[in-house]
Amino acid sequence: MTDSQVTAVIETRLIHDIHRRATSLLAEAAARPSAPAAALTDVRDFLVAHLHHHHETEDDILWPMITAKAPEAADPLAGLSGEHDRLDAALDALGAATVDTDRTSLVDAAVAVRDLVHLHLEREEPVLFPALRDHVSEEAWADFSRHVIATTPEVGTDLLVGFLEQVGTPEEVEIVIGGMPAPVRTALSEQARATLGMLRAAG
């Protein structure tokens, strides 16, 4: 079975691509004076909450799940957790940055988070994807995924759907949110398109 056929890898890649897309959009839009403060705040708050949660579930649950089957993965995963600590500090700075007035701190913090996230994922994926394929069963992943969904922050649910629809194929999107009622998904998708459209249109 190839990586592209493993549910754990598909779902993780999609989440990582959401983080890439969202951090890039925020860093670019924050530098535009015409970008609406409300839309910037929505994306900023979504990123801070969801990236913190993502790191916590990896460090506390997924890494131990992998090392229980592959002790040799402990050192590489510990190195990735160290990067999570640096990312979390950058996220705290992003969360504290002002949006309504002088946006210098927002721009600096957003760029720092974007650069750290992109570099971290370049290092993490070559370690994590083979480990998910080789050492995490479909059943174990399903349990982990249910926990992640149950504990996911409610901040920016619309953006989670909106970014997912941008980075995934229709088939991949169904894997992740196929169980969401259609009217709810449509409403969230439309809300996200409005927010993201304002940031992309800002010039």
N, C-alpha and C. Protein backbone atom coordinates (compact mmCIF):
# COMPACT_ATOMS: atom_id res chain seq x y z
N MET A 1 0.85 -1.20 0.00
CA MET A 1 0.00 0.00 0.00
C MET A 1 0.88 1.25 0.00
N THR A 2 0.62 2.17 -0.91
CA THR A 2 1.42 3.38 -1.00
C THR A 2 0.91 4.43 -0.03
N ASP A 3 1.77 5.44 0.22
CA ASP A 3 1.37 6.52 1.11
C ASP A 3 0.06 7.16 0.69
N SER A 4 -0.13 7.31 -0.62
CA SER A 4 -1.31 8.00 -1.12
C SER A 4 -2.60 7.24 -0.83
N GLN A 5 -2.47 5.96 -0.43
CA GLN A 5 -3.65 5.14 -0.15
C GLN A 5 -3.90 4.97 1.35
N VAL A 6 -3.03 5.48 2.18
CA VAL A 6 -3.15 5.31 3.62
C VAL A 6 -3.93 6.49 4.20
N THR A 7 -5.05 6.20 4.86
CA THR A 7 -5.90 7.25 5.39
C THR A 7 -5.15 8.19 6.31
N ALA A 8 -4.31 7.65 7.18
CA ALA A 8 -3.56 8.48 8.12
C ALA A 8 -2.69 9.49 7.38
N VAL A 9 -2.05 9.05 6.31
CA VAL A 9 -1.18 9.95 5.55
C VAL A 9 -2.02 10.98 4.80
N ILE A 10 -3.11 10.56 4.21
CA ILE A 10 -3.98 11.49 3.49
C ILE A 10 -4.46 12.59 4.42
N GLU A 11 -5.00 12.21 5.58
CA GLU A 11 -5.57 13.20 6.49
C GLU A 11 -4.48 14.13 7.04
N THR A 12 -3.33 13.56 7.37
CA THR A 12 -2.24 14.38 7.90
C THR A 12 -1.72 15.34 6.85
N ARG A 13 -1.55 14.85 5.62
CA ARG A 13 -1.09 15.74 4.54
C ARG A 13 -2.06 16.89 4.32
N LEU A 14 -3.34 16.61 4.37
CA LEU A 14 -4.34 17.66 4.17
C LEU A 14 -4.26 18.71 5.27
N ILE A 15 -4.13 18.27 6.51
CA ILE A 15 -4.01 19.22 7.62
C ILE A 15 -2.74 20.05 7.48
N HIS A 16 -1.65 19.40 7.12
CA HIS A 16 -0.41 20.15 6.91
C HIS A 16 -0.55 21.16 5.78
N ASP A 17 -1.22 20.77 4.71
CA ASP A 17 -1.40 21.70 3.59
C ASP A 17 -2.31 22.87 3.98
N ILE A 18 -3.28 22.61 4.86
CA ILE A 18 -4.10 23.70 5.40
C ILE A 18 -3.21 24.68 6.16
N HIS A 19 -2.32 24.15 6.98
CA HIS A 19 -1.43 25.01 7.76
C HIS A 19 -0.51 25.81 6.84
N ARG A 20 -0.02 25.19 5.79
CA ARG A 20 0.81 25.92 4.82
C ARG A 20 0.00 27.04 4.17
N ARG A 21 -1.18 26.70 3.70
CA ARG A 21 -2.01 27.68 2.98
C ARG A 21 -2.43 28.82 3.90
N ALA A 22 -2.85 28.49 5.11
CA ALA A 22 -3.35 29.52 6.02
C ALA A 22 -2.24 30.45 6.50
N THR A 23 -1.08 29.89 6.82
CA THR A 23 0.01 30.76 7.29
C THR A 23 0.52 31.65 6.16
N SER A 24 0.55 31.14 4.96
CA SER A 24 0.98 31.96 3.82
C SER A 24 0.00 33.09 3.57
N LEU A 25 -1.29 32.77 3.60
CA LEU A 25 -2.31 33.79 3.35
C LEU A 25 -2.24 34.89 4.40
N LEU A 26 -2.12 34.51 5.67
CA LEU A 26 -2.09 35.52 6.73
C LEU A 26 -0.87 36.41 6.61
N ALA A 27 0.30 35.82 6.35
CA ALA A 27 1.52 36.62 6.24
C ALA A 27 1.42 37.60 5.08
N GLU A 28 0.82 37.18 3.97
CA GLU A 28 0.69 38.06 2.81
C GLU A 28 -0.36 39.13 3.04
N ALA A 29 -1.51 38.73 3.59
CA ALA A 29 -2.61 39.68 3.76
C ALA A 29 -2.33 40.69 4.86
N ALA A 30 -1.63 40.28 5.91
CA ALA A 30 -1.35 41.20 7.01
C ALA A 30 -0.55 42.41 6.56
N ALA A 31 0.23 42.25 5.52
CA ALA A 31 1.06 43.35 5.01
C ALA A 31 0.29 44.32 4.13
N ARG A 32 -0.97 44.00 3.85
CA ARG A 32 -1.77 44.88 3.00
C ARG A 32 -2.66 45.77 3.87
N PRO A 33 -2.49 47.07 3.82
CA PRO A 33 -3.29 47.96 4.67
C PRO A 33 -4.79 47.81 4.46
N SER A 34 -5.21 47.41 3.26
CA SER A 34 -6.64 47.31 2.97
C SER A 34 -7.28 46.02 3.47
N ALA A 35 -6.48 45.09 3.97
CA ALA A 35 -7.04 43.84 4.46
C ALA A 35 -7.92 44.10 5.68
N PRO A 36 -9.16 43.62 5.68
CA PRO A 36 -10.05 43.91 6.80
C PRO A 36 -9.55 43.30 8.11
N ALA A 37 -9.61 44.08 9.17
CA ALA A 37 -9.12 43.61 10.47
C ALA A 37 -9.89 42.39 10.94
N ALA A 38 -11.20 42.35 10.69
CA ALA A 38 -12.00 41.23 11.17
C ALA A 38 -11.59 39.93 10.50
N ALA A 39 -11.34 39.97 9.21
CA ALA A 39 -10.93 38.77 8.48
C ALA A 39 -9.54 38.32 8.91
N LEU A 40 -8.62 39.28 9.10
CA LEU A 40 -7.29 38.93 9.60
C LEU A 40 -7.38 38.28 10.98
N THR A 41 -8.20 38.84 11.82
CA THR A 41 -8.36 38.29 13.17
C THR A 41 -8.92 36.88 13.12
N ASP A 42 -9.88 36.65 12.23
CA ASP A 42 -10.47 35.31 12.11
C ASP A 42 -9.42 34.28 11.73
N VAL A 43 -8.60 34.59 10.73
CA VAL A 43 -7.58 33.64 10.27
C VAL A 43 -6.49 33.49 11.34
N ARG A 44 -6.08 34.60 11.95
CA ARG A 44 -5.07 34.54 13.01
C ARG A 44 -5.53 33.65 14.15
N ASP A 45 -6.76 33.87 14.64
CA ASP A 45 -7.26 33.09 15.77
C ASP A 45 -7.42 31.62 15.41
N PHE A 46 -7.85 31.35 14.18
CA PHE A 46 -7.95 29.97 13.70
C PHE A 46 -6.59 29.29 13.74
N LEU A 47 -5.58 29.95 13.23
CA LEU A 47 -4.24 29.36 13.18
C LEU A 47 -3.69 29.10 14.57
N VAL A 48 -3.79 30.07 15.44
CA VAL A 48 -3.24 29.93 16.79
C VAL A 48 -3.89 28.75 17.51
N ALA A 49 -5.21 28.69 17.47
CA ALA A 49 -5.92 27.63 18.18
C ALA A 49 -5.65 26.26 17.58
N HIS A 50 -5.71 26.17 16.27
CA HIS A 50 -5.62 24.85 15.63
C HIS A 50 -4.19 24.33 15.58
N LEU A 51 -3.22 25.19 15.42
CA LEU A 51 -1.84 24.72 15.43
C LEU A 51 -1.43 24.27 16.84
N HIS A 52 -1.83 25.01 17.86
CA HIS A 52 -1.56 24.55 19.23
C HIS A 52 -2.16 23.17 19.46
N HIS A 53 -3.40 23.00 19.06
CA HIS A 53 -4.09 21.72 19.25
C HIS A 53 -3.40 20.61 18.46
N HIS A 54 -3.00 20.91 17.24
CA HIS A 54 -2.33 19.92 16.39
C HIS A 54 -1.05 19.43 17.05
N HIS A 55 -0.27 20.35 17.56
CA HIS A 55 0.99 19.97 18.22
C HIS A 55 0.74 19.14 19.47
N GLU A 56 -0.25 19.53 20.24
CA GLU A 56 -0.55 18.79 21.48
C GLU A 56 -0.95 17.35 21.19
N THR A 57 -1.78 17.16 20.18
CA THR A 57 -2.22 15.79 19.89
C THR A 57 -1.08 14.94 19.34
N GLU A 58 -0.18 15.56 18.59
CA GLU A 58 0.98 14.81 18.12
C GLU A 58 1.90 14.44 19.28
N ASP A 59 2.28 15.44 20.08
CA ASP A 59 3.23 15.20 21.17
C ASP A 59 2.68 14.23 22.21
N ASP A 60 1.41 14.40 22.56
CA ASP A 60 0.84 13.65 23.69
C ASP A 60 0.28 12.29 23.31
N ILE A 61 -0.15 12.13 22.06
CA ILE A 61 -0.85 10.89 21.69
C ILE A 61 -0.18 10.18 20.52
N LEU A 62 0.03 10.91 19.41
CA LEU A 62 0.50 10.24 18.20
C LEU A 62 1.94 9.77 18.34
N TRP A 63 2.82 10.62 18.87
CA TRP A 63 4.21 10.19 19.02
C TRP A 63 4.33 8.95 19.91
N PRO A 64 3.69 8.92 21.10
CA PRO A 64 3.75 7.69 21.90
C PRO A 64 3.17 6.48 21.18
N MET A 65 2.13 6.68 20.37
CA MET A 65 1.54 5.58 19.61
C MET A 65 2.57 5.00 18.64
N ILE A 66 3.34 5.88 17.99
CA ILE A 66 4.34 5.42 17.03
C ILE A 66 5.51 4.76 17.73
N THR A 67 6.01 5.39 18.79
CA THR A 67 7.20 4.84 19.46
C THR A 67 6.91 3.54 20.18
N ALA A 68 5.66 3.29 20.52
CA ALA A 68 5.31 2.00 21.12
C ALA A 68 5.56 0.86 20.13
N LYS A 69 5.42 1.14 18.85
CA LYS A 69 5.65 0.15 17.80
C LYS A 69 7.05 0.25 17.21
N ALA A 70 7.62 1.45 17.26
CA ALA A 70 8.93 1.68 16.64
C ALA A 70 9.78 2.55 17.56
N PRO A 71 10.42 1.93 18.56
CA PRO A 71 11.23 2.72 19.52
C PRO A 71 12.32 3.54 18.85
N GLU A 72 12.79 3.11 17.70
CA GLU A 72 13.84 3.85 17.01
C GLU A 72 13.37 5.22 16.51
N ALA A 73 12.05 5.43 16.51
CA ALA A 73 11.52 6.72 16.07
C ALA A 73 11.52 7.76 17.18
N ALA A 74 11.87 7.35 18.40
CA ALA A 74 11.76 8.26 19.55
C ALA A 74 12.60 9.51 19.39
N ASP A 75 13.85 9.36 18.97
CA ASP A 75 14.73 10.53 18.86
C ASP A 75 14.27 11.50 17.77
N PRO A 76 13.97 11.02 16.56
CA PRO A 76 13.47 11.96 15.55
C PRO A 76 12.18 12.67 15.98
N LEU A 77 11.29 11.94 16.64
CA LEU A 77 10.03 12.55 17.06
C LEU A 77 10.27 13.56 18.19
N ALA A 78 11.22 13.26 19.06
CA ALA A 78 11.55 14.22 20.12
C ALA A 78 12.09 15.51 19.52
N GLY A 79 12.88 15.39 18.46
CA GLY A 79 13.36 16.58 17.77
C GLY A 79 12.23 17.41 17.19
N LEU A 80 11.22 16.73 16.67
CA LEU A 80 10.06 17.44 16.12
C LEU A 80 9.27 18.12 17.24
N SER A 81 9.19 17.48 18.41
CA SER A 81 8.51 18.12 19.54
C SER A 81 9.23 19.38 19.98
N GLY A 82 10.56 19.37 19.90
CA GLY A 82 11.32 20.58 20.19
C GLY A 82 10.96 21.71 19.24
N GLU A 83 10.76 21.37 17.98
CA GLU A 83 10.33 22.37 17.02
C GLU A 83 8.92 22.86 17.34
N HIS A 84 8.07 21.95 17.83
CA HIS A 84 6.73 22.36 18.25
C HIS A 84 6.80 23.43 19.33
N ASP A 85 7.73 23.26 20.27
CA ASP A 85 7.88 24.25 21.34
C ASP A 85 8.22 25.63 20.77
N ARG A 86 9.11 25.66 19.80
CA ARG A 86 9.46 26.94 19.20
C ARG A 86 8.28 27.52 18.41
N LEU A 87 7.56 26.65 17.74
CA LEU A 87 6.38 27.11 17.01
C LEU A 87 5.31 27.65 17.96
N ASP A 88 5.13 26.98 19.09
CA ASP A 88 4.11 27.42 20.04
C ASP A 88 4.46 28.80 20.60
N ALA A 89 5.73 29.07 20.83
CA ALA A 89 6.14 30.40 21.28
C ALA A 89 5.85 31.45 20.20
N ALA A 90 6.10 31.10 18.95
CA ALA A 90 5.80 32.02 17.85
C ALA A 90 4.29 32.24 17.72
N LEU A 91 3.51 31.20 17.96
CA LEU A 91 2.05 31.33 17.91
C LEU A 91 1.55 32.23 19.02
N ASP A 92 2.15 32.13 20.20
CA ASP A 92 1.75 33.03 21.29
C ASP A 92 2.00 34.49 20.91
N ALA A 93 3.13 34.75 20.26
CA ALA A 93 3.43 36.11 19.80
C ALA A 93 2.41 36.56 18.76
N LEU A 94 2.03 35.65 17.87
CA LEU A 94 1.03 35.97 16.86
C LEU A 94 -0.31 36.29 17.52
N GLY A 95 -0.68 35.50 18.51
CA GLY A 95 -1.94 35.73 19.19
C GLY A 95 -1.98 37.06 19.93
N ALA A 96 -0.83 37.55 20.34
CA ALA A 96 -0.76 38.81 21.09
C ALA A 96 -0.61 40.03 20.18
N ALA A 97 -0.39 39.82 18.91
CA ALA A 97 -0.15 40.94 17.99
C ALA A 97 -1.41 41.75 17.75
N THR A 98 -1.23 43.06 17.57
CA THR A 98 -2.38 43.93 17.32
C THR A 98 -2.80 43.85 15.86
N VAL A 99 -4.10 44.00 15.65
CA VAL A 99 -4.65 43.91 14.30
C VAL A 99 -5.31 45.23 13.88
N ASP A 100 -5.95 45.92 14.80
CA ASP A 100 -6.75 47.09 14.45
C ASP A 100 -5.93 48.34 14.18
N THR A 101 -4.77 48.48 14.83
CA THR A 101 -3.98 49.71 14.66
C THR A 101 -2.72 49.40 13.86
N ASP A 102 -1.56 49.67 14.45
CA ASP A 102 -0.30 49.38 13.78
C ASP A 102 -0.12 47.87 13.65
N ARG A 103 0.04 47.40 12.41
CA ARG A 103 0.09 45.95 12.18
C ARG A 103 1.52 45.42 12.06
N THR A 104 2.49 46.21 12.46
CA THR A 104 3.87 45.77 12.32
C THR A 104 4.12 44.47 13.07
N SER A 105 3.63 44.41 14.31
CA SER A 105 3.83 43.19 15.10
C SER A 105 3.10 42.01 14.50
N LEU A 106 1.93 42.26 13.91
CA LEU A 106 1.17 41.19 13.27
C LEU A 106 1.92 40.65 12.06
N VAL A 107 2.43 41.56 11.23
CA VAL A 107 3.17 41.13 10.05
C VAL A 107 4.39 40.32 10.45
N ASP A 108 5.16 40.83 11.41
CA ASP A 108 6.38 40.14 11.83
C ASP A 108 6.06 38.76 12.40
N ALA A 109 5.02 38.70 13.23
CA ALA A 109 4.66 37.43 13.86
C ALA A 109 4.10 36.45 12.83
N ALA A 110 3.30 36.94 11.90
CA ALA A 110 2.72 36.06 10.88
C ALA A 110 3.80 35.49 9.96
N VAL A 111 4.76 36.31 9.59
CA VAL A 111 5.87 35.85 8.75
C VAL A 111 6.70 34.81 9.51
N ALA A 112 6.96 35.07 10.79
CA ALA A 112 7.73 34.12 11.59
C ALA A 112 7.03 32.77 11.68
N VAL A 113 5.72 32.79 11.93
CA VAL A 113 4.96 31.54 12.02
C VAL A 113 4.95 30.82 10.67
N ARG A 114 4.71 31.57 9.61
CA ARG A 114 4.71 30.95 8.27
C ARG A 114 6.03 30.25 7.99
N ASP A 115 7.12 30.95 8.22
CA ASP A 115 8.43 30.38 7.90
C ASP A 115 8.73 29.16 8.76
N LEU A 116 8.39 29.23 10.05
CA LEU A 116 8.62 28.10 10.94
C LEU A 116 7.76 26.90 10.55
N VAL A 117 6.50 27.14 10.24
CA VAL A 117 5.60 26.05 9.88
C VAL A 117 6.07 25.36 8.61
N HIS A 118 6.41 26.13 7.60
CA HIS A 118 6.83 25.52 6.33
C HIS A 118 8.12 24.72 6.51
N LEU A 119 9.07 25.26 7.24
CA LEU A 119 10.32 24.54 7.47
C LEU A 119 10.08 23.30 8.32
N HIS A 120 9.25 23.42 9.34
CA HIS A 120 8.97 22.29 10.22
C HIS A 120 8.31 21.14 9.44
N LEU A 121 7.37 21.47 8.58
CA LEU A 121 6.69 20.41 7.83
C LEU A 121 7.62 19.75 6.84
N GLU A 122 8.56 20.50 6.28
CA GLU A 122 9.55 19.88 5.39
C GLU A 122 10.38 18.84 6.14
N ARG A 123 10.63 19.09 7.41
CA ARG A 123 11.41 18.15 8.21
C ARG A 123 10.54 17.02 8.77
N GLU A 124 9.30 17.35 9.09
CA GLU A 124 8.44 16.36 9.76
C GLU A 124 7.92 15.29 8.81
N GLU A 125 7.49 15.68 7.65
CA GLU A 125 6.80 14.73 6.78
C GLU A 125 7.65 13.54 6.36
N PRO A 126 8.96 13.70 6.05
CA PRO A 126 9.76 12.52 5.71
C PRO A 126 9.91 11.53 6.86
N VAL A 127 9.76 12.01 8.08
CA VAL A 127 9.79 11.12 9.25
C VAL A 127 8.40 10.54 9.53
N LEU A 128 7.40 11.42 9.50
CA LEU A 128 6.07 11.03 9.95
C LEU A 128 5.32 10.15 8.96
N PHE A 129 5.35 10.49 7.69
CA PHE A 129 4.54 9.73 6.73
C PHE A 129 4.92 8.25 6.68
N PRO A 130 6.22 7.90 6.59
CA PRO A 130 6.54 6.46 6.63
C PRO A 130 6.15 5.80 7.96
N ALA A 131 6.27 6.56 9.07
CA ALA A 131 5.88 5.99 10.36
C ALA A 131 4.39 5.72 10.42
N LEU A 132 3.60 6.61 9.88
CA LEU A 132 2.14 6.39 9.85
C LEU A 132 1.81 5.18 9.00
N ARG A 133 2.48 5.05 7.89
CA ARG A 133 2.23 3.92 6.99
C ARG A 133 2.63 2.59 7.61
N ASP A 134 3.78 2.58 8.29
CA ASP A 134 4.36 1.31 8.74
C ASP A 134 3.97 0.91 10.15
N HIS A 135 3.60 1.89 11.01
CA HIS A 135 3.47 1.58 12.44
C HIS A 135 2.14 1.97 13.07
N VAL A 136 1.23 2.57 12.29
CA VAL A 136 -0.07 2.96 12.85
C VAL A 136 -1.16 2.24 12.06
N SER A 137 -1.89 1.38 12.74
CA SER A 137 -2.94 0.61 12.07
C SER A 137 -4.13 1.52 11.74
N GLU A 138 -4.96 1.05 10.83
CA GLU A 138 -6.17 1.80 10.50
C GLU A 138 -7.04 2.00 11.74
N GLU A 139 -7.12 0.97 12.58
CA GLU A 139 -7.94 1.07 13.79
C GLU A 139 -7.37 2.09 14.76
N ALA A 140 -6.06 2.06 14.95
CA ALA A 140 -5.42 3.02 15.85
C ALA A 140 -5.59 4.44 15.33
N TRP A 141 -5.45 4.61 14.02
CA TRP A 141 -5.63 5.94 13.45
C TRP A 141 -7.06 6.41 13.61
N ALA A 142 -8.02 5.52 13.42
CA ALA A 142 -9.43 5.90 13.57
C ALA A 142 -9.70 6.38 14.99
N ASP A 143 -9.14 5.70 15.98
CA ASP A 143 -9.31 6.12 17.37
C ASP A 143 -8.68 7.50 17.59
N PHE A 144 -7.47 7.68 17.07
CA PHE A 144 -6.78 8.96 17.21
C PHE A 144 -7.57 10.07 16.52
N SER A 145 -8.05 9.79 15.33
CA SER A 145 -8.79 10.78 14.57
C SER A 145 -10.07 11.20 15.29
N ARG A 146 -10.76 10.23 15.89
CA ARG A 146 -11.97 10.56 16.65
C ARG A 146 -11.65 11.48 17.83
N HIS A 147 -10.53 11.21 18.49
CA HIS A 147 -10.14 12.06 19.61
C HIS A 147 -9.82 13.47 19.12
N VAL A 148 -9.10 13.56 18.02
CA VAL A 148 -8.74 14.88 17.47
C VAL A 148 -10.00 15.66 17.15
N ILE A 149 -10.96 15.01 16.50
CA ILE A 149 -12.20 15.69 16.12
C ILE A 149 -12.96 16.15 17.36
N ALA A 150 -13.02 15.28 18.37
CA ALA A 150 -13.78 15.60 19.58
C ALA A 150 -13.18 16.76 20.36
N THR A 151 -11.87 16.96 20.24
CA THR A 151 -11.19 18.00 21.01
C THR A 151 -10.77 19.20 20.17
N THR A 152 -11.10 19.19 18.89
CA THR A 152 -10.72 20.30 18.01
C THR A 152 -11.37 21.60 18.48
N PRO A 153 -10.62 22.69 18.56
CA PRO A 153 -11.21 23.97 18.97
C PRO A 153 -12.34 24.38 18.04
N GLU A 154 -13.34 25.02 18.61
CA GLU A 154 -14.48 25.47 17.81
C GLU A 154 -14.17 26.76 17.06
N VAL A 155 -13.02 27.36 17.35
CA VAL A 155 -12.63 28.60 16.67
C VAL A 155 -12.38 28.31 15.18
N GLY A 156 -13.05 29.06 14.32
CA GLY A 156 -12.75 28.98 12.89
C GLY A 156 -13.13 27.68 12.22
N THR A 157 -14.21 27.05 12.65
CA THR A 157 -14.64 25.81 11.99
C THR A 157 -14.92 26.05 10.51
N ASP A 158 -15.46 27.22 10.20
CA ASP A 158 -15.72 27.53 8.80
C ASP A 158 -14.42 27.58 8.00
N LEU A 159 -13.36 28.13 8.59
CA LEU A 159 -12.09 28.22 7.88
C LEU A 159 -11.45 26.86 7.70
N LEU A 160 -11.65 25.98 8.67
CA LEU A 160 -11.15 24.62 8.53
C LEU A 160 -11.77 23.97 7.30
N VAL A 161 -13.06 24.13 7.13
CA VAL A 161 -13.76 23.59 5.96
C VAL A 161 -13.29 24.29 4.69
N GLY A 162 -13.20 25.61 4.75
CA GLY A 162 -12.83 26.37 3.56
C GLY A 162 -11.43 26.06 3.06
N PHE A 163 -10.47 26.01 3.97
CA PHE A 163 -9.10 25.68 3.56
C PHE A 163 -9.02 24.23 3.08
N LEU A 164 -9.75 23.34 3.74
CA LEU A 164 -9.74 21.93 3.32
C LEU A 164 -10.22 21.80 1.89
N GLU A 165 -11.26 22.52 1.55
CA GLU A 165 -11.78 22.45 0.18
C GLU A 165 -10.79 23.04 -0.82
N GLN A 166 -9.91 23.92 -0.37
CA GLN A 166 -8.89 24.48 -1.26
C GLN A 166 -7.74 23.50 -1.51
N VAL A 167 -7.36 22.76 -0.49
CA VAL A 167 -6.14 21.94 -0.62
C VAL A 167 -6.42 20.50 -1.01
N GLY A 168 -7.65 20.03 -0.83
CA GLY A 168 -7.95 18.62 -1.09
C GLY A 168 -8.81 18.41 -2.32
N THR A 169 -8.71 17.22 -2.87
CA THR A 169 -9.63 16.84 -3.94
C THR A 169 -11.00 16.58 -3.32
N PRO A 170 -12.07 16.57 -4.12
CA PRO A 170 -13.38 16.26 -3.55
C PRO A 170 -13.40 14.92 -2.81
N GLU A 171 -12.67 13.95 -3.32
CA GLU A 171 -12.63 12.64 -2.67
C GLU A 171 -11.92 12.73 -1.33
N GLU A 172 -10.84 13.50 -1.26
CA GLU A 172 -10.11 13.65 0.00
C GLU A 172 -10.92 14.43 1.02
N VAL A 173 -11.63 15.44 0.55
CA VAL A 173 -12.47 16.22 1.46
C VAL A 173 -13.54 15.32 2.08
N GLU A 174 -14.08 14.42 1.29
CA GLU A 174 -15.09 13.50 1.80
C GLU A 174 -14.53 12.60 2.90
N ILE A 175 -13.28 12.20 2.76
CA ILE A 175 -12.66 11.35 3.78
C ILE A 175 -12.66 12.06 5.12
N VAL A 176 -12.40 13.37 5.11
CA VAL A 176 -12.24 14.12 6.35
C VAL A 176 -13.57 14.59 6.92
N ILE A 177 -14.45 15.15 6.09
CA ILE A 177 -15.68 15.74 6.62
C ILE A 177 -16.93 15.17 5.96
N GLY A 178 -16.81 13.97 5.43
CA GLY A 178 -17.96 13.36 4.78
C GLY A 178 -19.14 13.14 5.71
N GLY A 179 -18.88 13.03 7.00
CA GLY A 179 -19.96 12.82 7.96
C GLY A 179 -20.66 14.09 8.39
N MET A 180 -20.17 15.25 7.95
CA MET A 180 -20.79 16.51 8.33
C MET A 180 -22.10 16.71 7.56
N PRO A 181 -23.18 17.07 8.22
CA PRO A 181 -24.45 17.30 7.49
C PRO A 181 -24.27 18.32 6.37
N ALA A 182 -24.86 18.02 5.23
CA ALA A 182 -24.66 18.86 4.05
C ALA A 182 -25.03 20.32 4.27
N PRO A 183 -26.17 20.63 4.92
CA PRO A 183 -26.50 22.06 5.12
C PRO A 183 -25.46 22.79 5.97
N VAL A 184 -24.93 22.10 6.99
CA VAL A 184 -23.92 22.71 7.84
C VAL A 184 -22.65 22.96 7.04
N ARG A 185 -22.24 21.96 6.29
CA ARG A 185 -21.03 22.09 5.48
C ARG A 185 -21.16 23.21 4.47
N THR A 186 -22.32 23.33 3.83
CA THR A 186 -22.53 24.39 2.84
C THR A 186 -22.44 25.76 3.49
N ALA A 187 -23.07 25.92 4.66
CA ALA A 187 -23.05 27.20 5.34
C ALA A 187 -21.64 27.58 5.76
N LEU A 188 -20.90 26.62 6.30
CA LEU A 188 -19.52 26.89 6.72
C LEU A 188 -18.64 27.23 5.52
N SER A 189 -18.83 26.50 4.44
CA SER A 189 -18.04 26.74 3.22
C SER A 189 -18.29 28.14 2.68
N GLU A 190 -19.53 28.57 2.66
CA GLU A 190 -19.86 29.90 2.16
C GLU A 190 -19.28 30.99 3.07
N GLN A 191 -19.34 30.76 4.38
CA GLN A 191 -18.78 31.72 5.31
C GLN A 191 -17.28 31.85 5.12
N ALA A 192 -16.62 30.72 4.94
CA ALA A 192 -15.17 30.75 4.72
C ALA A 192 -14.81 31.44 3.42
N ARG A 193 -15.56 31.17 2.38
CA ARG A 193 -15.26 31.80 1.09
C ARG A 193 -15.34 33.32 1.20
N ALA A 194 -16.31 33.81 1.97
CA ALA A 194 -16.45 35.26 2.14
C ALA A 194 -15.24 35.84 2.86
N THR A 195 -14.83 35.20 3.94
CA THR A 195 -13.67 35.68 4.72
C THR A 195 -12.39 35.63 3.91
N LEU A 196 -12.13 34.47 3.31
CA LEU A 196 -10.90 34.31 2.55
C LEU A 196 -10.88 35.17 1.29
N GLY A 197 -12.05 35.36 0.72
CA GLY A 197 -12.13 36.21 -0.46
C GLY A 197 -11.76 37.65 -0.16
N MET A 198 -12.14 38.14 1.03
CA MET A 198 -11.78 39.50 1.41
C MET A 198 -10.26 39.65 1.56
N LEU A 199 -9.60 38.62 2.07
CA LEU A 199 -8.15 38.70 2.26
C LEU A 199 -7.41 38.58 0.93
N ARG A 200 -7.90 37.72 0.05
CA ARG A 200 -7.23 37.58 -1.24
C ARG A 200 -7.44 38.83 -2.11
N ALA A 201 -8.61 39.49 -1.93
CA ALA A 201 -8.91 40.65 -2.76
C ALA A 201 -8.23 41.91 -2.26
N ALA A 202 -7.78 41.90 -1.01
CA ALA A 202 -7.17 43.10 -0.44
C ALA A 202 -5.88 43.44 -1.21
N GLY A 203 -5.77 44.64 -1.63
CA GLY A 203 -4.58 45.03 -2.37
C GLY A 203 -3.99 46.32 -1.84
